[in-house]
């Protein structure tokens, strides 16, 4: 991993690992994406793990969508619970008025 100790140039931008690369290269394991680099001093080609902007955007929007769904479900539950409590309070008031 020459890129840790010396400067490097990105030869190929961040791309998804092929199925063969995913099984054979440890760089593919954490993110599933690699970029090909050439180290400046040693002129050695190497692969470096990276994060895809497209993948990060998809994960972000999936998270936002999930949170919106959860918020909607809880908002509906709050409204239903409030209606039940209002009905109970009105019933209690009605019984008190009838007992007079």
Protein backbone atom coordinates (compact mmCIF):
# COMPACT_ATOMS: atom_id res chain seq x y z
CA UNK A 1 0.00 0.00 0.00
CA UNK A 2 2.33 2.63 -1.32
CA UNK A 3 -0.37 5.32 -1.16
CA UNK A 4 -0.03 5.43 2.63
CA UNK A 5 3.57 6.65 2.54
CA UNK A 6 3.89 8.55 -0.73
CA UNK A 7 1.94 10.76 -3.10
CA UNK A 8 -0.26 9.14 -5.71
CA UNK A 9 -2.25 9.89 -8.83
CA UNK A 10 -5.73 8.49 -9.39
CA UNK A 11 -5.69 6.52 -12.66
CA UNK A 12 -9.27 5.21 -12.51
CA UNK A 13 -12.04 6.86 -10.51
CA UNK A 14 -14.03 5.06 -7.84
CA UNK A 15 -15.86 2.09 -9.42
CA UNK A 16 -17.82 -0.87 -8.12
CA UNK A 17 -15.78 -4.05 -7.63
CA UNK A 18 -16.51 -6.94 -9.96
CA UNK A 19 -17.53 -10.25 -8.39
CA UNK A 20 -14.01 -11.59 -8.92
CA UNK A 21 -12.43 -8.50 -7.35
CA UNK A 22 -14.82 -8.67 -4.41
CA UNK A 23 -13.67 -12.21 -3.64
CA UNK A 24 -9.95 -11.74 -4.31
CA UNK A 25 -9.12 -8.19 -3.14
CA UNK A 26 -9.27 -7.12 0.50
CA UNK A 27 -9.71 -3.49 -0.60
CA UNK A 28 -13.20 -4.34 -1.92
CA UNK A 29 -14.49 -5.76 1.35
CA UNK A 30 -15.59 -2.71 3.39
CA UNK A 31 -17.28 -0.58 0.71
CA UNK A 32 -17.44 -2.63 -2.49
CA UNK A 33 -15.72 0.17 -4.42
CA UNK A 34 -12.07 0.71 -5.42
CA UNK A 35 -10.04 3.24 -7.35
CA UNK A 36 -6.85 2.46 -9.26
CA UNK A 37 -3.89 4.64 -8.33
CA UNK A 38 -0.25 5.02 -9.33
CA UNK A 39 2.22 5.96 -6.64
CA UNK A 40 4.45 8.88 -7.64
CA UNK A 41 7.83 7.74 -6.31
CA UNK A 42 7.72 3.97 -6.84
CA UNK A 43 5.59 4.16 -10.06
CA UNK A 44 3.64 1.21 -8.74
CA UNK A 45 -0.02 0.60 -9.61
CA UNK A 46 -2.24 -0.22 -6.67
CA UNK A 47 -5.89 -0.26 -5.63
CA UNK A 48 -7.34 1.84 -2.85
CA UNK A 49 -10.79 1.48 -1.27
CA UNK A 50 -13.12 4.40 -1.74
CA UNK A 51 -16.71 5.48 -1.20
CA UNK A 52 -18.99 6.07 -4.12
CA UNK A 53 -20.90 9.35 -4.07
CA UNK A 54 -23.84 7.66 -5.79
CA UNK A 55 -23.94 4.91 -3.16
CA UNK A 56 -23.71 7.45 -0.34
CA UNK A 57 -26.58 9.44 -1.85
CA UNK A 58 -28.73 6.32 -2.15
CA UNK A 59 -28.06 5.38 1.47
CA UNK A 60 -28.89 8.93 2.58
CA UNK A 61 -32.19 9.09 0.70
CA UNK A 62 -33.16 5.61 1.88
CA UNK A 63 -32.55 6.81 5.45
CA UNK A 64 -34.59 9.99 4.88
CA UNK A 65 -37.45 7.97 3.37
CA UNK A 66 -37.44 5.53 6.26
CA UNK A 67 -37.49 8.36 8.81
CA UNK A 68 -40.39 10.05 6.99
CA UNK A 69 -42.38 6.79 7.05
CA UNK A 70 -41.67 6.27 10.75
CA UNK A 71 -42.63 9.88 11.52
CA UNK A 72 -45.89 9.48 9.57
CA UNK A 73 -46.79 6.29 11.42
CA UNK A 74 -46.18 7.89 14.80
CA UNK A 75 -48.11 11.04 13.81
CA UNK A 76 -51.12 8.87 12.93
CA UNK A 77 -50.78 7.01 16.24
CA UNK A 78 -50.69 10.31 18.15
CA UNK A 79 -53.83 11.57 16.39
CA UNK A 80 -55.68 8.30 17.08
CA UNK A 81 -54.62 8.31 20.73
CA UNK A 82 -55.70 11.94 21.12
CA UNK A 83 -59.14 11.13 19.70
CA UNK A 84 -59.53 8.23 22.15
CA UNK A 85 -58.54 10.44 25.08
CA UNK A 86 -60.90 13.22 23.93
CA UNK A 87 -63.75 10.72 23.67
CA UNK A 88 -63.04 9.42 27.19
CA UNK A 89 -62.94 12.97 28.59
CA UNK A 90 -66.25 13.87 26.91
CA UNK A 91 -67.83 10.69 28.25
CA UNK A 92 -66.61 11.51 31.73
CA UNK A 93 -68.03 15.05 31.52
CA UNK A 94 -71.35 13.71 30.17
CA UNK A 95 -71.65 11.24 33.08
CA UNK A 96 -70.92 14.00 35.59
CA UNK A 97 -73.60 16.21 34.05
CA UNK A 98 -76.14 13.34 34.02
CA UNK A 99 -75.50 12.59 37.70
CA UNK A 100 -76.49 16.11 38.75
